Structure formats: structure tokens, C-alpha cells
């Protein structure tokens, strides 16, 4: 009879059973026995250069694929290094499974000065995890993983943290390795017949309906488009939902909720259907205060608490976004073609007016937005950091497919996201990926360029170099605050990229962007494209 499998071996087996393909992590002295279970498991391990990069890669992987991103972290500093990226994923409801080590059970809470010891380690992640568990017995592992993947499947997703004492990695488990199977996952929840009947009647009777889609509607784009056509209703997207509805669709008003002309259209609707959106200030470009809805508000969200967040609805439906929109689509009759055409003309006029509300400097950057749209393949995934040009692409660069816009410019809004997240996205999907990051943000996670080179990723990395934190400079100037801490010395980015083994080039005109991106997509290594426009 073969020997009993270890906890580490069963962990790897169950991850593959749950369809995990790649894991991101940096081995450490505390996780040696964890890694003993990796060879032969079928899992592919990606090594970043910092644990923050590991979690950002897992985040990008999850957003591009729709499947949970998985991290392996060491005790103490490994976990705290990843905390910022986990908090970003929590803010944006991104499924992420973090498996970390923790000190031996006999040492927990003793303050004995053990290596990597962090008293009450699980407390660190409590504020930005949807669930966490500390294993005290190897027999808990299958149930802990099952709970995590149930949350990813049927609840509002976010990071799950499972910490395993280092003395349990090599501990034996019962039975044989092949005995361990994934638990069947719950199906997404549908709405009740009563809720669908009431919502469909309100929408059918509406004269000026509006549909708002948030980041939780990634699988609902086709149903939302059909529903908009039946209702002759405009569709507006949060930044997290950009691309969920094809922005070529004549009824799609894009991610333009920050502009007054769109806000006015939404607030004066007689019925608003808000699906999987927080109705948060970051969807409205830091416009504080909730919407002043004059008509009825129908909210749909998988999270019951979210149904009352920021704005109370007239009808609350706790269910999966795609399920509800499909139910409403089936319940409503076909609409009027003339009404659709009239709404399409209104949407086109609104989009034209939005440009007049852009903040200073945007007009100078608009040729770069147009050049980037022309350079991007139709099915490309655009990954953006908090940088000036990205604030313009959020609104002015149309995207045509779900999961084509990965950004940290909403919610938590950390810097340094785009480079590692684009690596994760590229490893998740065969679609082309293009990253857009500022010179300041790039310096946060520059080391991850080495991981992209190792993986031989075709990845254009656009660096908007304004020699500092340009957006904050502008805010300081507007507030008549002396510029302090925002003007930075930048390295020779092209030479730095080449030292990693990547390609690099500099451009300073929008018309150069198309050729630079096209050439980068042909290489089997990342290409850093430094944009040195003086804005």
C-alpha cells in the first residue's frame, strides 16, 4: 500500500480539481514542504520578484479569465507584502485565493521571536478578505477549500485567505491522493418570479428607462444589450464594467458616469435598472454624494448588503446579474425600432457633449487616446494604472468585449498595478494584452519585468513619462499648493528594460504608437514603450 498523501500534496490535488492552472508565489524557508507537493501536480508556478507582484498577477489573471487567481505566500512579510494587492482585489470584488504559511501551532501567539513571526497574522487580512481560515488540523483542508470556491462561484467574490501552520504541510492525510475531489459548486442564484414580474412591469411602462452596469455584470453583456434594445434604453457602464456591452452599440453610453450630462440623464430617468454596481463615487470620477434619482430605482446584486449601499432602491433583487437580466429579457416583449433609433441619437449627442466636460489637459492627450485605440487589436485587453492618460482612456477609448478593461483607477486605487496585472492577464488568456502605466507607478513594481521576460510574454508596456506624479501636480496647482514631492528623477527606462532582457523604445508623437505596439505584439518578450510627450 502506498503511503498516505501529505497536506501539501492534497492541497495541490484539490487546486487542480477546482480547475486551477497557475499559481503565483515566491518560495521561502517556511514553504519548502508546501512546494514538495508541486512537482507532478499539473500546476504551473510563476515566480514574481515581490509578493505584491504575486497578488497583482493573481488579480489580473482572475479579471481576464473569470477564474480565481491563486497565490502561495510565506509567513509574515510574504503576507504583508501582498496585503496592498489583496486590498485592491477586495475593493473590486476579484476572486483570489491566498494560501499562506504561518508559524507552527505550538508557537502561535507565544511571541517567541520565531522567524517571520507575526502575532495574530490572520488579523492583518481580516479587513480585506471575504473569508479566512487558519487550519488547526489537516482534516479541515478539503472543507476550507470547498468553502472558498463556493464563495467564488455563487457569492460576491473577493480574496480568501487560508493560512496553514508550517508543521502541517508534511503532515499525513487519510486515504489516497486520488480520493480527494472537488466539491460540486453552487449555480448562480436567479430572481424570484415575483421580483421579475414587478421589475419587468415597471420597465415596460417606463418612458425614459436607463440601465447601469457595474463590475459584477461581466457575464451579463449580451442579455443587457438585448434588454436595452427592447426598452430603447441607454446603457451606461461603471469603469469596472467597461467593455461588458460593446461600446460600438448605438445604445451604449460607455463609462461616462462622471460627466454632468450623463448624470442628468440618469437622474431624470423614470426607471433606473442598476445591476451589480456600487453606485460609488469612483464610478463618477470622485463626484461626492449619491445620485438624486427622481424615478424608481431597481437594484440587482449578488450581495444583499450592497443593495442598500450608497442609495436605497425601490425594488431590491438579490441574485446573479446575468441570471436576472436573462429573466427580464424573457419577460419583456420586443421593442419599437423607432424608439431605439431616437435613443441612439440621444446617446450620440450625450457622448459628444461629454468631451466639453473633460478636465484641463485632456484635449492635448486625446490624439494619444485615438492612436491607442487604433493600435489595439479588436480583442485586446487593456490594463491601466493610475496615470494621466489612463484617466482619459477610461472614458474616451471604446472597448468591445467583456473582460477587456482591467484597471486600478477605481476603488482602492493603488499604484504599480498595471505591470504585474498585465502579466497575470497575459498568462490567463490568449488575447493580446497591452499595459498602460505612468513613470511613477512603474517604479513601484518594475522588478516584475523580469518575470515577464522569463515567461517570454508578448506584452507592450506603455509608460506615460511625465517625470513625476503628474496628476497630483495638477491638483496641487489647482489648489494653489506649492509642488512638493511630485517631481521625480526618472531612470533611462529603455536601457533599464533592455538590461532585463526586454525590448524598449521611445516615442513622442501619437502617430508613432501604432507601429510600436504592432512590433511589440510580434515579439516573444515584453517591450517597454516610453512615451515622452510633454504634458
Protein backbone atom coordinates (compact mmCIF):
# COMPACT_ATOMS: atom_id res chain seq x y z
CA UNK A 1 0.00 0.00 0.00
CA UNK A 2 1.33 3.46 -0.87
CA UNK A 3 1.99 5.93 1.93
CA UNK A 4 -0.65 8.48 2.90
CA UNK A 5 -0.51 11.77 0.98
CA UNK A 6 0.68 14.87 2.78
CA UNK A 7 -1.36 18.01 3.35
CA UNK A 8 0.72 19.79 0.67
CA UNK A 9 0.05 17.04 -1.88
CA UNK A 10 -3.68 17.09 -1.20
CA UNK A 11 -3.71 20.88 -1.47
CA UNK A 12 -2.18 20.71 -4.97
CA UNK A 13 -4.53 17.89 -5.96
CA UNK A 14 -7.61 19.83 -4.85
CA UNK A 15 -6.50 23.03 -6.56
CA UNK A 16 -6.29 21.14 -9.86
CA UNK A 17 -9.67 19.56 -9.12
CA UNK A 18 -11.06 23.10 -8.85
CA UNK A 19 -9.60 23.86 -12.30
CA UNK A 20 -6.69 25.99 -11.05
CA UNK A 21 -3.92 26.02 -13.65
CA UNK A 22 -1.38 28.59 -12.43
CA UNK A 23 -0.20 29.79 -9.04
CA UNK A 24 1.89 32.86 -8.24
CA UNK A 25 4.38 32.91 -5.40
CA UNK A 26 7.90 33.16 -4.02
CA UNK A 27 9.19 30.11 -2.12
CA UNK A 28 10.64 30.67 1.34
CA UNK A 29 12.16 28.64 4.11
CA UNK A 30 8.73 28.18 5.66
CA UNK A 31 7.15 26.85 2.47
CA UNK A 32 9.72 24.29 1.36
CA UNK A 33 7.41 21.42 2.33
CA UNK A 34 4.49 23.13 0.59
CA UNK A 35 6.50 23.14 -2.64
CA UNK A 36 7.29 19.45 -2.26
CA UNK A 37 3.71 18.86 -3.35
CA UNK A 38 4.05 20.91 -6.55
CA UNK A 39 6.01 18.66 -8.97
CA UNK A 40 3.69 16.31 -10.82
CA UNK A 41 0.59 18.17 -9.65
CA UNK A 42 -0.14 19.73 -13.04
CA UNK A 43 0.05 23.25 -11.60
CA UNK A 44 2.28 25.83 -13.26
CA UNK A 45 4.20 28.04 -10.83
CA UNK A 46 5.02 31.66 -11.74
CA UNK A 47 7.68 33.42 -9.67
CA UNK A 48 7.33 37.20 -9.32
CA UNK A 49 10.00 39.41 -7.78
CA UNK A 50 7.88 40.66 -4.87
CA UNK A 51 4.82 39.23 -3.16
CA UNK A 52 2.82 42.34 -4.06
CA UNK A 53 3.54 41.40 -7.66
CA UNK A 54 2.30 37.87 -6.99
CA UNK A 55 -1.06 39.10 -5.77
CA UNK A 56 -1.38 41.69 -8.56
CA UNK A 57 -0.63 38.92 -11.09
CA UNK A 58 -3.31 36.76 -9.50
CA UNK A 59 -5.70 39.71 -9.70
CA UNK A 60 -5.02 40.29 -13.41
CA UNK A 61 -5.31 36.56 -14.07
CA UNK A 62 -8.72 36.48 -12.37
CA UNK A 63 -10.07 39.53 -14.18
CA UNK A 64 -9.03 38.25 -17.59
CA UNK A 65 -10.16 34.65 -17.09
CA UNK A 66 -13.08 34.93 -14.68
CA UNK A 67 -11.42 32.22 -12.57
CA UNK A 68 -9.82 32.72 -9.15
CA UNK A 69 -6.18 33.79 -9.07
CA UNK A 70 -4.07 31.82 -6.58
CA UNK A 71 -1.04 32.93 -4.51
CA UNK A 72 1.40 31.00 -2.33
CA UNK A 73 2.93 33.26 0.33
CA UNK A 74 5.42 32.82 3.14
CA UNK A 75 4.66 33.64 6.75
CA UNK A 76 4.79 37.25 7.94
CA UNK A 77 6.47 39.52 5.35
CA UNK A 78 5.20 37.47 2.42
CA UNK A 79 1.65 38.12 3.54
CA UNK A 80 2.14 41.77 4.46
CA UNK A 81 3.91 42.42 1.14
CA UNK A 82 0.82 41.11 -0.66
CA UNK A 83 -1.66 42.99 1.52
CA UNK A 84 -2.00 46.06 -0.73
CA UNK A 85 -2.80 43.95 -3.78
CA UNK A 86 -5.27 41.85 -1.78
CA UNK A 87 -7.00 45.04 -0.65
CA UNK A 88 -7.28 46.21 -4.27
CA UNK A 89 -8.87 42.87 -5.17
CA UNK A 90 -11.26 43.17 -2.23
CA UNK A 91 -12.30 46.66 -3.32
CA UNK A 92 -13.03 45.42 -6.86
CA UNK A 93 -14.62 42.06 -5.86
CA UNK A 94 -11.95 39.95 -7.59
CA UNK A 95 -11.75 36.23 -6.69
CA UNK A 96 -8.33 35.49 -5.20
CA UNK A 97 -7.21 32.53 -3.12
CA UNK A 98 -4.23 33.29 -0.88
CA UNK A 99 -2.53 30.29 0.73
CA UNK A 100 -0.01 31.43 3.27
CA UNK A 101 2.19 29.72 5.80
CA UNK A 102 2.01 30.62 9.48
CA UNK A 103 4.28 29.58 12.33
CA UNK A 104 4.00 26.15 13.94
CA UNK A 105 0.91 25.56 16.01
CA UNK A 106 2.94 25.25 19.19
CA UNK A 107 4.45 28.71 18.57
CA UNK A 108 1.28 30.63 17.70
CA UNK A 109 0.57 33.54 19.98
CA UNK A 110 3.65 32.92 22.12
CA UNK A 111 5.77 35.85 20.93
CA UNK A 112 8.89 33.72 20.99
CA UNK A 113 10.76 35.67 18.33
CA UNK A 114 10.41 32.94 15.70
CA UNK A 115 11.46 33.61 12.11
CA UNK A 116 8.82 35.67 10.24
CA UNK A 117 6.64 35.66 13.35
CA UNK A 118 3.66 37.98 13.11
CA UNK A 119 1.40 37.93 16.15
CA UNK A 120 -2.22 37.34 15.13
CA UNK A 121 -1.27 37.10 11.44
CA UNK A 122 -4.86 36.47 10.35
CA UNK A 123 -5.89 39.82 11.84
CA UNK A 124 -3.82 41.55 9.16
CA UNK A 125 -6.08 40.32 6.35
CA UNK A 126 -9.38 40.39 8.21
CA UNK A 127 -10.40 43.76 6.80
CA UNK A 128 -9.91 42.84 3.13
CA UNK A 129 -10.94 39.20 2.82
CA UNK A 130 -14.42 37.85 2.23
CA UNK A 131 -13.46 34.80 4.31
CA UNK A 132 -10.39 33.49 6.06
CA UNK A 133 -9.46 30.35 7.95
CA UNK A 134 -6.50 29.12 10.00
CA UNK A 135 -6.01 25.37 9.70
CA UNK A 136 -5.55 23.66 13.05
CA UNK A 137 -5.86 20.14 11.64
CA UNK A 138 -5.10 18.76 8.18
CA UNK A 139 -8.58 17.25 8.03
CA UNK A 140 -10.01 20.77 7.67
CA UNK A 141 -8.29 21.39 4.33
CA UNK A 142 -10.91 19.93 1.93
CA UNK A 143 -13.75 21.80 3.58
CA UNK A 144 -11.80 25.05 3.75
CA UNK A 145 -11.08 24.92 0.01
CA UNK A 146 -14.67 23.93 -0.75
CA UNK A 147 -15.94 26.97 1.16
CA UNK A 148 -13.55 29.24 -0.71
CA UNK A 149 -14.61 28.04 -4.14
CA UNK A 150 -18.30 28.16 -3.22
CA UNK A 151 -17.84 31.83 -2.38
CA UNK A 152 -16.09 32.42 -5.70
CA UNK A 153 -18.85 30.59 -7.57
CA UNK A 154 -22.05 31.90 -6.04
CA UNK A 155 -21.31 34.86 -3.77
CA UNK A 156 -19.78 38.30 -4.11
CA UNK A 157 -16.16 37.32 -4.75
CA UNK A 158 -13.03 38.71 -3.19
CA UNK A 159 -9.85 37.45 -1.57
CA UNK A 160 -9.99 34.34 0.62
CA UNK A 161 -7.04 33.74 2.93
CA UNK A 162 -6.24 30.25 4.23
CA UNK A 163 -3.18 30.05 6.48
CA UNK A 164 -1.51 26.72 7.17
CA UNK A 165 0.93 26.18 10.06
CA UNK A 166 4.27 25.06 8.71
CA UNK A 167 4.20 21.85 10.74
CA UNK A 168 1.08 20.74 8.81
CA UNK A 169 2.47 20.88 5.25
CA UNK A 170 4.15 17.49 5.59
CA UNK A 171 1.51 16.01 7.89
CA UNK A 172 -0.19 12.87 6.52
CA UNK A 173 -3.83 12.85 5.47
CA UNK A 174 -6.28 9.97 5.29
CA UNK A 175 -6.81 7.72 2.30
CA UNK A 176 -5.19 8.00 -1.10
CA UNK A 177 -4.45 11.12 -3.13
CA UNK A 178 -6.97 10.17 -5.82
CA UNK A 179 -9.74 10.05 -3.21
CA UNK A 180 -9.77 13.84 -2.92
CA UNK A 181 -12.26 15.52 -5.25
CA UNK A 182 -13.65 19.00 -5.74
CA UNK A 183 -16.97 19.76 -4.11
CA UNK A 184 -19.82 20.48 -6.58
CA UNK A 185 -20.22 24.25 -6.91
CA UNK A 186 -23.49 26.10 -6.46
CA UNK A 187 -25.19 27.55 -9.51
CA UNK A 188 -25.66 31.35 -9.67
CA UNK A 189 -28.89 32.49 -7.99
CA UNK A 190 -31.88 33.59 -10.07
CA UNK A 191 -34.52 36.12 -9.01
CA UNK A 192 -37.96 35.18 -7.76
CA UNK A 193 -40.87 35.21 -10.18
CA UNK A 194 -42.48 37.99 -8.12
CA UNK A 195 -39.41 40.23 -8.39
CA UNK A 196 -39.07 39.63 -12.13
CA UNK A 197 -42.75 40.35 -12.70
CA UNK A 198 -42.63 43.66 -10.81
CA UNK A 199 -39.35 44.79 -12.39
CA UNK A 200 -40.46 43.89 -15.91
CA UNK A 201 -43.76 45.73 -15.46
CA UNK A 202 -42.02 48.88 -14.25
CA UNK A 203 -39.57 48.74 -17.15
CA UNK A 204 -42.30 48.02 -19.68
CA UNK A 205 -44.29 51.06 -18.51
CA UNK A 206 -41.25 53.36 -18.37
CA UNK A 207 -40.92 56.22 -20.86
CA UNK A 208 -37.31 57.12 -20.02
CA UNK A 209 -35.61 53.98 -18.65
CA UNK A 210 -31.85 53.72 -18.08
CA UNK A 211 -29.62 50.68 -17.47
CA UNK A 212 -26.49 50.97 -15.32
CA UNK A 213 -23.99 48.11 -15.27
CA UNK A 214 -21.22 47.54 -12.73
CA UNK A 215 -18.22 45.24 -12.50
CA UNK A 216 -20.30 42.32 -11.28
CA UNK A 217 -22.06 42.16 -14.65
CA UNK A 218 -19.12 40.73 -16.62
CA UNK A 219 -21.16 37.75 -17.86
CA UNK A 220 -24.31 39.79 -18.49
CA UNK A 221 -23.35 41.86 -21.55
CA UNK A 222 -25.40 40.05 -24.19
CA UNK A 223 -28.54 39.98 -22.03
CA UNK A 224 -28.07 43.66 -21.15
CA UNK A 225 -27.77 44.58 -24.84
CA UNK A 226 -30.95 42.69 -25.72
CA UNK A 227 -32.79 44.28 -22.83
CA UNK A 228 -31.63 47.77 -23.83
CA UNK A 229 -32.94 47.17 -27.35
CA UNK A 230 -36.33 46.01 -26.08
CA UNK A 231 -36.64 49.02 -23.77
CA UNK A 232 -34.99 51.57 -26.09
CA UNK A 233 -32.89 52.38 -23.02
CA UNK A 234 -29.37 53.81 -22.90
CA UNK A 235 -26.75 51.69 -21.12
CA UNK A 236 -24.06 53.36 -19.02
CA UNK A 237 -21.11 51.47 -17.55
CA UNK A 238 -19.05 51.85 -14.43
CA UNK A 239 -15.31 51.83 -15.10
CA UNK A 240 -15.22 48.26 -13.80
CA UNK A 241 -17.83 47.30 -16.40
CA UNK A 242 -16.18 48.98 -19.38
CA UNK A 243 -16.46 46.66 -22.40
CA UNK A 244 -19.22 44.49 -20.87
CA UNK A 245 -21.51 45.96 -23.53
CA UNK A 246 -19.81 46.59 -26.86
CA UNK A 247 -19.18 50.34 -26.91
CA UNK A 248 -19.98 50.36 -30.62
CA UNK A 249 -23.57 49.52 -29.71
CA UNK A 250 -25.64 52.63 -30.50
CA UNK A 251 -27.40 52.46 -27.12
CA UNK A 252 -24.16 52.22 -25.11
CA UNK A 253 -23.04 55.46 -23.46
CA UNK A 254 -19.77 53.94 -22.25
CA UNK A 255 -18.08 54.59 -18.92
CA UNK A 256 -19.08 58.23 -18.70
CA UNK A 257 -20.96 58.44 -15.42
CA UNK A 258 -18.59 61.16 -14.19
CA UNK A 259 -19.97 63.75 -16.58
CA UNK A 260 -22.87 66.05 -15.70
CA UNK A 261 -24.75 65.49 -18.96
CA UNK A 262 -24.86 61.74 -18.32
CA UNK A 263 -25.62 62.18 -14.63
CA UNK A 264 -28.58 64.39 -15.54
CA UNK A 265 -29.90 61.77 -17.98
CA UNK A 266 -29.65 59.08 -15.33
CA UNK A 267 -31.20 61.13 -12.54
CA UNK A 268 -34.17 62.13 -14.71
CA UNK A 269 -34.99 58.59 -15.81
CA UNK A 270 -38.38 57.35 -14.67
CA UNK A 271 -36.92 53.87 -14.03
CA UNK A 272 -33.23 53.02 -13.47
CA UNK A 273 -32.09 49.40 -13.54
CA UNK A 274 -28.75 49.32 -11.68
CA UNK A 275 -27.06 45.94 -11.97
CA UNK A 276 -24.06 44.81 -9.90
CA UNK A 277 -22.81 48.34 -9.26
CA UNK A 278 -21.91 50.09 -6.02
CA UNK A 279 -23.10 53.46 -7.35
CA UNK A 280 -19.83 54.67 -5.86
CA UNK A 281 -18.01 57.99 -6.15
CA UNK A 282 -15.13 56.38 -8.03
CA UNK A 283 -17.51 55.46 -10.86
CA UNK A 284 -18.28 59.15 -11.10
CA UNK A 285 -14.67 60.40 -11.03
CA UNK A 286 -14.74 61.32 -7.34
CA UNK A 287 -18.08 63.14 -7.57
CA UNK A 288 -19.20 63.03 -3.96
CA UNK A 289 -22.78 62.43 -2.91
CA UNK A 290 -25.22 59.90 -4.26
CA UNK A 291 -27.37 60.19 -7.32
CA UNK A 292 -30.60 62.13 -6.89
CA UNK A 293 -32.84 59.58 -8.61
CA UNK A 294 -36.18 61.17 -9.47
CA UNK A 295 -37.78 57.95 -10.70
CA UNK A 296 -37.87 54.37 -9.47
CA UNK A 297 -34.61 52.54 -8.78
CA UNK A 298 -34.28 48.77 -9.26
CA UNK A 299 -31.06 47.33 -7.86
CA UNK A 300 -29.69 43.88 -8.65
CA UNK A 301 -26.72 42.48 -6.72
CA UNK A 302 -25.46 39.12 -5.50
CA UNK A 303 -24.54 40.77 -2.17
CA UNK A 304 -27.63 41.66 -0.09
CA UNK A 305 -25.74 44.34 1.86
CA UNK A 306 -24.78 46.06 -1.38
CA UNK A 307 -28.44 46.51 -2.35
CA UNK A 308 -28.68 49.36 0.17
CA UNK A 309 -25.17 50.77 -0.32
CA UNK A 310 -24.96 54.46 -1.28
CA UNK A 311 -28.60 54.57 -2.38
CA UNK A 312 -31.77 52.78 -1.25
CA UNK A 313 -33.75 51.14 -4.08
CA UNK A 314 -37.48 50.96 -4.72
CA UNK A 315 -37.01 47.29 -5.62
CA UNK A 316 -34.09 45.16 -4.43
CA UNK A 317 -33.25 41.87 -6.15
CA UNK A 318 -30.57 39.70 -4.54
CA UNK A 319 -29.43 37.44 -7.38
CA UNK A 320 -26.80 36.93 -10.07
CA UNK A 321 -26.59 39.75 -12.63
CA UNK A 322 -26.64 37.57 -15.75
CA UNK A 323 -29.47 35.41 -14.43
CA UNK A 324 -31.69 38.42 -13.67
CA UNK A 325 -31.07 40.16 -17.00
CA UNK A 326 -31.83 36.94 -18.86
CA UNK A 327 -35.05 36.57 -16.86
CA UNK A 328 -36.08 40.16 -17.65
CA UNK A 329 -35.21 39.65 -21.31
CA UNK A 330 -37.55 36.66 -21.47
CA UNK A 331 -40.31 38.55 -19.66
CA UNK A 332 -40.32 41.65 -21.89
CA UNK A 333 -41.71 41.95 -25.42
CA UNK A 334 -39.74 43.19 -28.39
CA UNK A 335 -39.42 46.95 -28.52
CA UNK A 336 -40.02 49.63 -31.09
CA UNK A 337 -37.32 50.26 -33.71
CA UNK A 338 -38.15 53.96 -33.98
CA UNK A 339 -37.77 54.38 -30.21
CA UNK A 340 -34.38 52.65 -30.33
CA UNK A 341 -33.20 54.96 -33.08
CA UNK A 342 -34.34 58.02 -31.13
CA UNK A 343 -32.44 56.85 -28.03
CA UNK A 344 -29.36 56.12 -30.13
CA UNK A 345 -29.38 59.73 -31.34
CA UNK A 346 -29.66 60.94 -27.75
CA UNK A 347 -26.71 58.76 -26.72
CA UNK A 348 -24.56 60.05 -29.58
CA UNK A 349 -25.33 63.63 -28.54
CA UNK A 350 -24.50 62.90 -24.90
CA UNK A 351 -21.15 61.41 -25.87
CA UNK A 352 -20.36 64.49 -27.94
CA UNK A 353 -21.21 66.75 -25.01
CA UNK A 354 -19.07 64.73 -22.59
CA UNK A 355 -15.92 65.91 -24.28
CA UNK A 356 -16.71 69.52 -23.37
CA UNK A 357 -16.56 68.50 -19.69
CA UNK A 358 -13.07 67.00 -19.81
CA UNK A 359 -10.63 68.45 -17.33
CA UNK A 360 -7.71 70.68 -18.45
CA UNK A 361 -5.01 68.87 -20.41
CA UNK A 362 -7.32 66.19 -21.77
CA UNK A 363 -7.61 67.70 -25.23
CA UNK A 364 -3.83 67.53 -25.64
CA UNK A 365 -3.94 63.84 -24.73
CA UNK A 366 -6.89 62.97 -26.93
CA UNK A 367 -4.70 62.25 -30.03
CA UNK A 368 -2.89 59.66 -27.90
CA UNK A 369 -6.22 58.08 -26.95
CA UNK A 370 -7.21 57.86 -30.62
CA UNK A 371 -3.80 56.44 -31.54
CA UNK A 372 -4.04 53.82 -28.80
CA UNK A 373 -7.49 52.71 -29.93
CA UNK A 374 -6.19 52.36 -33.48
CA UNK A 375 -3.14 50.43 -32.23
CA UNK A 376 -5.11 47.97 -30.08
CA UNK A 377 -6.31 44.76 -31.72
CA UNK A 378 -10.10 44.42 -31.64
CA UNK A 379 -10.00 41.78 -28.91
CA UNK A 380 -7.18 43.28 -26.84
CA UNK A 381 -7.19 43.53 -23.07
CA UNK A 382 -6.13 46.98 -21.85
CA UNK A 383 -4.62 47.04 -18.35
CA UNK A 384 -4.26 50.52 -16.85
CA UNK A 385 -2.63 52.05 -13.80
CA UNK A 386 -3.42 55.35 -12.13
CA UNK A 387 -1.84 57.70 -14.63
CA UNK A 388 -3.00 60.72 -16.61
CA UNK A 389 -3.52 59.06 -19.98
CA UNK A 390 -5.48 56.22 -18.36
CA UNK A 391 -7.97 58.69 -16.90
CA UNK A 392 -8.72 59.71 -20.48
CA UNK A 393 -8.84 56.18 -21.88
CA UNK A 394 -11.34 55.28 -19.14
CA UNK A 395 -13.91 57.46 -20.86
CA UNK A 396 -12.76 58.15 -24.41
CA UNK A 397 -11.31 54.82 -25.61
CA UNK A 398 -14.09 52.40 -26.60
CA UNK A 399 -13.75 48.68 -25.90
CA UNK A 400 -15.78 45.92 -27.47
CA UNK A 401 -15.66 42.80 -25.30
CA UNK A 402 -16.18 41.83 -21.66
CA UNK A 403 -13.04 41.41 -19.57
CA UNK A 404 -11.15 43.76 -21.87
CA UNK A 405 -10.63 46.55 -19.32
CA UNK A 406 -8.53 45.87 -16.23
CA UNK A 407 -7.88 48.95 -14.14
CA UNK A 408 -6.91 50.05 -10.65
CA UNK A 409 -8.15 53.62 -11.16
CA UNK A 410 -11.35 52.82 -9.26
CA UNK A 411 -11.93 51.92 -5.63
CA UNK A 412 -8.71 51.31 -3.74
CA UNK A 413 -6.64 52.92 -6.49
CA UNK A 414 -3.12 51.72 -5.72
CA UNK A 415 -0.12 52.48 -7.90
CA UNK A 416 2.07 49.86 -9.56
CA UNK A 417 -0.82 47.60 -10.50
CA UNK A 418 -0.68 47.56 -14.29
CA UNK A 419 2.64 45.81 -14.95
CA UNK A 420 2.09 42.69 -12.79
CA UNK A 421 -1.66 42.61 -13.51
CA UNK A 422 -0.96 42.63 -17.25
CA UNK A 423 1.42 39.69 -16.75
CA UNK A 424 -1.35 37.78 -14.98
CA UNK A 425 -3.85 38.69 -17.69
CA UNK A 426 -1.48 37.58 -20.45
CA UNK A 427 -0.88 34.26 -18.70
CA UNK A 428 -4.65 33.76 -18.37
CA UNK A 429 -5.78 34.44 -21.90
CA UNK A 430 -4.53 34.08 -25.45
CA UNK A 431 -5.90 37.53 -26.27
CA UNK A 432 -3.34 40.32 -26.79
CA UNK A 433 -2.68 42.41 -23.68
CA UNK A 434 -1.38 45.99 -23.55
CA UNK A 435 -0.37 47.70 -20.29
CA UNK A 436 -0.55 51.45 -19.67
CA UNK A 437 1.32 52.81 -16.63
CA UNK A 438 2.94 56.06 -15.52
CA UNK A 439 6.60 56.52 -14.70
CA UNK A 440 5.79 56.91 -11.00
CA UNK A 441 3.62 53.80 -10.84
CA UNK A 442 6.08 51.71 -12.81
CA UNK A 443 8.77 52.25 -10.19
CA UNK A 444 6.56 50.51 -7.61
CA UNK A 445 6.71 47.15 -9.39
CA UNK A 446 9.44 47.49 -12.03
CA UNK A 447 11.08 44.25 -10.93
CA UNK A 448 8.19 42.24 -12.36
CA UNK A 449 9.57 42.98 -15.82
CA UNK A 450 11.98 40.12 -15.08
CA UNK A 451 9.07 37.72 -14.59
CA UNK A 452 7.55 38.80 -17.92
CA UNK A 453 10.89 38.18 -19.65
CA UNK A 454 11.16 34.73 -18.04
CA UNK A 455 7.69 33.83 -19.29
CA UNK A 456 8.55 35.11 -22.80
CA UNK A 457 5.40 37.20 -22.88
CA UNK A 458 4.43 39.27 -25.87
CA UNK A 459 3.46 42.35 -23.87
CA UNK A 460 3.62 46.02 -24.90
CA UNK A 461 4.09 48.19 -21.78
CA UNK A 462 3.25 51.85 -22.46
CA UNK A 463 4.94 54.16 -19.94
CA UNK A 464 3.45 57.65 -19.76
CA UNK A 465 6.54 59.54 -18.59
CA UNK A 466 5.79 62.97 -17.18
CA UNK A 467 8.72 62.84 -14.73
CA UNK A 468 6.67 62.52 -11.60
CA UNK A 469 3.17 62.27 -10.22
CA UNK A 470 1.65 64.48 -12.90
CA UNK A 471 -1.99 64.23 -11.86
CA UNK A 472 -1.14 65.19 -8.28
CA UNK A 473 0.95 68.08 -9.60
CA UNK A 474 -2.13 69.34 -11.44
CA UNK A 475 -4.28 69.03 -8.32
CA UNK A 476 -1.66 70.93 -6.29
CA UNK A 477 -1.61 73.70 -8.89
CA UNK A 478 -5.39 73.90 -8.94
CA UNK A 479 -5.47 74.12 -5.13
CA UNK A 480 -2.63 76.69 -5.13
CA UNK A 481 -0.43 74.36 -3.12
CA UNK A 482 3.31 74.51 -3.80
CA UNK A 483 4.54 71.44 -5.67
CA UNK A 484 6.25 69.17 -3.17
CA UNK A 485 7.20 65.52 -3.56
CA UNK A 486 5.73 65.19 -7.05
CA UNK A 487 8.68 65.93 -9.34
CA UNK A 488 10.78 62.80 -9.65
CA UNK A 489 14.06 61.74 -11.18
CA UNK A 490 13.32 59.01 -13.67
CA UNK A 491 15.80 56.43 -14.98
CA UNK A 492 16.53 55.63 -18.60
CA UNK A 493 13.56 53.29 -18.93
CA UNK A 494 14.57 51.90 -22.32
CA UNK A 495 18.07 50.99 -21.13
CA UNK A 496 16.59 49.56 -17.94
CA UNK A 497 14.16 47.38 -19.92
CA UNK A 498 16.98 46.13 -22.12
CA UNK A 499 19.04 45.25 -19.04
CA UNK A 500 16.21 42.90 -18.02
CA UNK A 501 16.28 41.27 -21.45
CA UNK A 502 13.17 43.08 -22.67
CA UNK A 503 12.91 45.30 -25.74
CA UNK A 504 12.46 49.05 -25.45
CA UNK A 505 11.90 52.20 -27.45
CA UNK A 506 10.95 55.86 -27.02
CA UNK A 507 8.24 57.72 -28.90
CA UNK A 508 6.97 61.28 -28.62
CA UNK A 509 4.27 61.51 -31.31
CA UNK A 510 0.88 59.75 -31.38
CA UNK A 511 1.39 58.59 -34.95
CA UNK A 512 4.38 56.51 -33.80
CA UNK A 513 2.28 54.46 -31.38
CA UNK A 514 0.63 52.08 -33.85
CA UNK A 515 3.87 50.75 -35.31
CA UNK A 516 5.49 50.47 -31.87
CA UNK A 517 2.58 48.40 -30.48
CA UNK A 518 2.36 46.25 -33.62
CA UNK A 519 6.06 45.43 -33.45
CA UNK A 520 5.83 44.68 -29.73
CA UNK A 521 2.99 42.22 -30.27
CA UNK A 522 5.18 40.28 -32.70
CA UNK A 523 7.96 39.73 -30.16
CA UNK A 524 8.17 36.85 -27.70
CA UNK A 525 9.42 39.19 -24.99
CA UNK A 526 7.91 42.27 -23.35
CA UNK A 527 8.51 45.68 -24.90
CA UNK A 528 8.66 48.87 -22.86
CA UNK A 529 7.43 51.80 -24.96
CA UNK A 530 8.31 55.07 -23.25
CA UNK A 531 6.05 57.97 -24.21
CA UNK A 532 7.89 61.22 -23.56
CA UNK A 533 5.18 63.67 -24.56
CA UNK A 534 5.46 66.97 -22.65
CA UNK A 535 2.04 67.21 -20.98
